[in-house]
Each structure stands twice: as C-alpha cells, then as structure tokens.
C-alpha cells in the first residue's frame, strides 16, 4: 500500500508518513536545475495535492509562479520547486 501523505497548513508533510526530504528527492538530483516541470510531472508524483490546491497556492504566493512557455504550456523551473521544498524543510526543522 502506498504511503498516504498528509500536509499541514504550511504545505509540509506531516504525521511521519513522508518527509520533505523524500519529496525533494522525487525531483531527481540528476535533473538539470534549468529544466522545466509541468503540472502533470508535479502532481501527484512530487506533490501529492490536487490541481486546485496547487493553483490556490500559486495565487496566494505560497508556491512559485509558473512560467508560460506558450499559449497552452505552463511549467515551473525545477530549481524554483526544489528551493520551495527546501525552504519548507528548513522552516520545519527551525520551528520549536
């Protein structure tokens, strides 16, 4: 049975089910940082959230803004997504 991933109000994995480091590792280390990742590549493989939650986070400034590559193609820089995940991990470890 796959791990159930639960996120807290800060978008961090909770409950000991999965760590943000595991999520970060899902963005393969061998992928170039200048590469783009589209929504289908992010959800649910990297971020086990709904598309509605992803776009709500983007609107609220909680998640990085995507780049419009063409009229029908929107994607995120992998470096931006990695930095966001790392910032969540650092914030979680710094919290009392």
C-alpha atoms as a PDB file:
ATOM      1  CA  UNK A   1       0.000   0.000   0.000  1.00  0.00           C
ATOM      2  CA  UNK A   2       1.444   3.422  -0.939  1.00  0.00           C
ATOM      3  CA  UNK A   3       2.222   5.914   1.770  1.00  0.00           C
ATOM      4  CA  UNK A   4      -0.524   8.390   2.481  1.00  0.00           C
ATOM      5  CA  UNK A   5       0.933  11.860   2.531  1.00  0.00           C
ATOM      6  CA  UNK A   6      -0.743  14.487   4.675  1.00  0.00           C
ATOM      7  CA  UNK A   7       0.268  18.136   4.537  1.00  0.00           C
ATOM      8  CA  UNK A   8      -0.105  20.696   7.294  1.00  0.00           C
ATOM      9  CA  UNK A   9      -1.230  24.308   6.835  1.00  0.00           C
ATOM     10  CA  UNK A  10       2.291  25.268   5.728  1.00  0.00           C
ATOM     11  CA  UNK A  11       2.353  22.676   2.977  1.00  0.00           C
ATOM     12  CA  UNK A  12       4.740  20.404   4.849  1.00  0.00           C
ATOM     13  CA  UNK A  13       4.320  16.647   5.014  1.00  0.00           C
ATOM     14  CA  UNK A  14       3.116  15.652   8.477  1.00  0.00           C
ATOM     15  CA  UNK A  15       2.407  12.643  10.617  1.00  0.00           C
ATOM     16  CA  UNK A  16       5.699  10.921   9.973  1.00  0.00           C
ATOM     17  CA  UNK A  17       4.328   9.426   6.773  1.00  0.00           C
ATOM     18  CA  UNK A  18       6.831  11.095   4.457  1.00  0.00           C
ATOM     19  CA  UNK A  19       9.499  13.716   4.915  1.00  0.00           C
ATOM     20  CA  UNK A  20      10.051  16.824   2.848  1.00  0.00           C
ATOM     21  CA  UNK A  21      13.452  15.332   2.011  1.00  0.00           C
ATOM     22  CA  UNK A  22      11.698  12.385   0.383  1.00  0.00           C
ATOM     23  CA  UNK A  23       9.565  14.830  -1.591  1.00  0.00           C
ATOM     24  CA  UNK A  24      12.678  16.769  -2.577  1.00  0.00           C
ATOM     25  CA  UNK A  25      14.346  13.562  -3.704  1.00  0.00           C
ATOM     26  CA  UNK A  26      11.413  12.922  -6.021  1.00  0.00           C
ATOM     27  CA  UNK A  27      12.736  15.819  -8.087  1.00  0.00           C
ATOM     28  CA  UNK A  28      15.600  13.685  -9.298  1.00  0.00           C
ATOM     29  CA  UNK A  29      19.001  15.083  -8.430  1.00  0.00           C
ATOM     30  CA  UNK A  30      20.199  14.349 -11.958  1.00  0.00           C
ATOM     31  CA  UNK A  31      17.567  16.654 -13.489  1.00  0.00           C
ATOM     32  CA  UNK A  32      19.084  19.954 -14.568  1.00  0.00           C
ATOM     33  CA  UNK A  33      18.028  22.913 -12.457  1.00  0.00           C
ATOM     34  CA  UNK A  34      17.304  24.951 -15.587  1.00  0.00           C
ATOM     35  CA  UNK A  35      14.743  22.382 -16.753  1.00  0.00           C
ATOM     36  CA  UNK A  36      11.015  22.881 -16.508  1.00  0.00           C
ATOM     37  CA  UNK A  37       8.430  20.592 -14.962  1.00  0.00           C
ATOM     38  CA  UNK A  38       4.776  20.737 -15.902  1.00  0.00           C
ATOM     39  CA  UNK A  39       1.780  20.170 -13.639  1.00  0.00           C
ATOM     40  CA  UNK A  40       1.448  16.543 -14.756  1.00  0.00           C
ATOM     41  CA  UNK A  41       5.034  15.947 -13.619  1.00  0.00           C
ATOM     42  CA  UNK A  42       4.448  17.616 -10.264  1.00  0.00           C
ATOM     43  CA  UNK A  43       1.108  16.086  -9.350  1.00  0.00           C
ATOM     44  CA  UNK A  44       0.888  13.662  -7.680  1.00  0.00           C
ATOM     45  CA  UNK A  45       4.431  12.317  -8.168  1.00  0.00           C
ATOM     46  CA  UNK A  46       6.265  15.156  -6.412  1.00  0.00           C
ATOM     47  CA  UNK A  47       3.470  16.948  -4.573  1.00  0.00           C
ATOM     48  CA  UNK A  48       0.538  14.728  -3.634  1.00  0.00           C
ATOM     49  CA  UNK A  49      -2.013  17.522  -3.766  1.00  0.00           C
ATOM     50  CA  UNK A  50      -4.900  18.333  -6.056  1.00  0.00           C
ATOM     51  CA  UNK A  51      -4.580  20.682  -9.020  1.00  0.00           C
ATOM     52  CA  UNK A  52      -6.968  23.066  -7.246  1.00  0.00           C
ATOM     53  CA  UNK A  53      -4.642  23.214  -4.224  1.00  0.00           C
ATOM     54  CA  UNK A  54      -1.601  23.800  -6.432  1.00  0.00           C
ATOM     55  CA  UNK A  55      -3.233  26.751  -8.205  1.00  0.00           C
ATOM     56  CA  UNK A  56      -4.581  28.137  -4.922  1.00  0.00           C
ATOM     57  CA  UNK A  57      -1.016  28.085  -3.546  1.00  0.00           C
ATOM     58  CA  UNK A  58       0.223  29.840  -6.708  1.00  0.00           C
ATOM     59  CA  UNK A  59      -2.500  32.501  -6.407  1.00  0.00           C
ATOM     60  CA  UNK A  60      -1.733  33.040  -2.708  1.00  0.00           C
ATOM     61  CA  UNK A  61       2.008  33.254  -3.330  1.00  0.00           C
ATOM     62  CA  UNK A  62       2.592  30.090  -1.290  1.00  0.00           C
ATOM     63  CA  UNK A  63       4.065  28.222  -4.277  1.00  0.00           C
ATOM     64  CA  UNK A  64       6.348  29.630  -7.004  1.00  0.00           C
ATOM     65  CA  UNK A  65       4.766  31.254 -10.035  1.00  0.00           C
ATOM     66  CA  UNK A  66       4.903  29.120 -13.175  1.00  0.00           C
ATOM     67  CA  UNK A  67       6.361  30.294 -16.469  1.00  0.00           C
ATOM     68  CA  UNK A  68       4.178  30.466 -19.547  1.00  0.00           C
ATOM     69  CA  UNK A  69       6.165  28.746 -22.291  1.00  0.00           C
ATOM     70  CA  UNK A  70       3.446  29.102 -24.931  1.00  0.00           C
ATOM     71  CA  UNK A  71      -0.295  29.742 -25.124  1.00  0.00           C
ATOM     72  CA  UNK A  72      -1.078  26.256 -23.826  1.00  0.00           C
ATOM     73  CA  UNK A  73       2.076  25.329 -21.896  1.00  0.00           C
ATOM     74  CA  UNK A  74       2.765  26.420 -18.332  1.00  0.00           C
ATOM     75  CA  UNK A  75       5.627  24.969 -16.306  1.00  0.00           C
ATOM     76  CA  UNK A  76       7.798  25.592 -13.259  1.00  0.00           C
ATOM     77  CA  UNK A  77      11.566  25.771 -13.130  1.00  0.00           C
ATOM     78  CA  UNK A  78      12.778  22.709 -11.272  1.00  0.00           C
ATOM     79  CA  UNK A  79      15.175  24.945  -9.340  1.00  0.00           C
ATOM     80  CA  UNK A  80      12.211  27.015  -8.073  1.00  0.00           C
ATOM     81  CA  UNK A  81      10.328  23.915  -6.933  1.00  0.00           C
ATOM     82  CA  UNK A  82      13.433  22.478  -5.244  1.00  0.00           C
ATOM     83  CA  UNK A  83      14.047  25.792  -3.462  1.00  0.00           C
ATOM     84  CA  UNK A  84      10.415  25.909  -2.288  1.00  0.00           C
ATOM     85  CA  UNK A  85      10.589  22.360  -0.903  1.00  0.00           C
ATOM     86  CA  UNK A  86      13.930  23.063   0.756  1.00  0.00           C
ATOM     87  CA  UNK A  87      12.567  26.258   2.342  1.00  0.00           C
ATOM     88  CA  UNK A  88       9.678  24.247   3.798  1.00  0.00           C
ATOM     89  CA  UNK A  89      12.088  21.657   5.160  1.00  0.00           C
ATOM     90  CA  UNK A  90      14.322  24.319   6.722  1.00  0.00           C
ATOM     91  CA  UNK A  91      11.310  26.108   8.236  1.00  0.00           C
ATOM     92  CA  UNK A  92      10.074  22.832   9.705  1.00  0.00           C
ATOM     93  CA  UNK A  93      13.409  21.986  11.290  1.00  0.00           C
ATOM     94  CA  UNK A  94      13.797  25.523  12.680  1.00  0.00           C
ATOM     95  CA  UNK A  95      10.321  25.521  14.266  1.00  0.00           C
ATOM     96  CA  UNK A  96      10.285  24.847  18.011  1.00  0.00           C
END
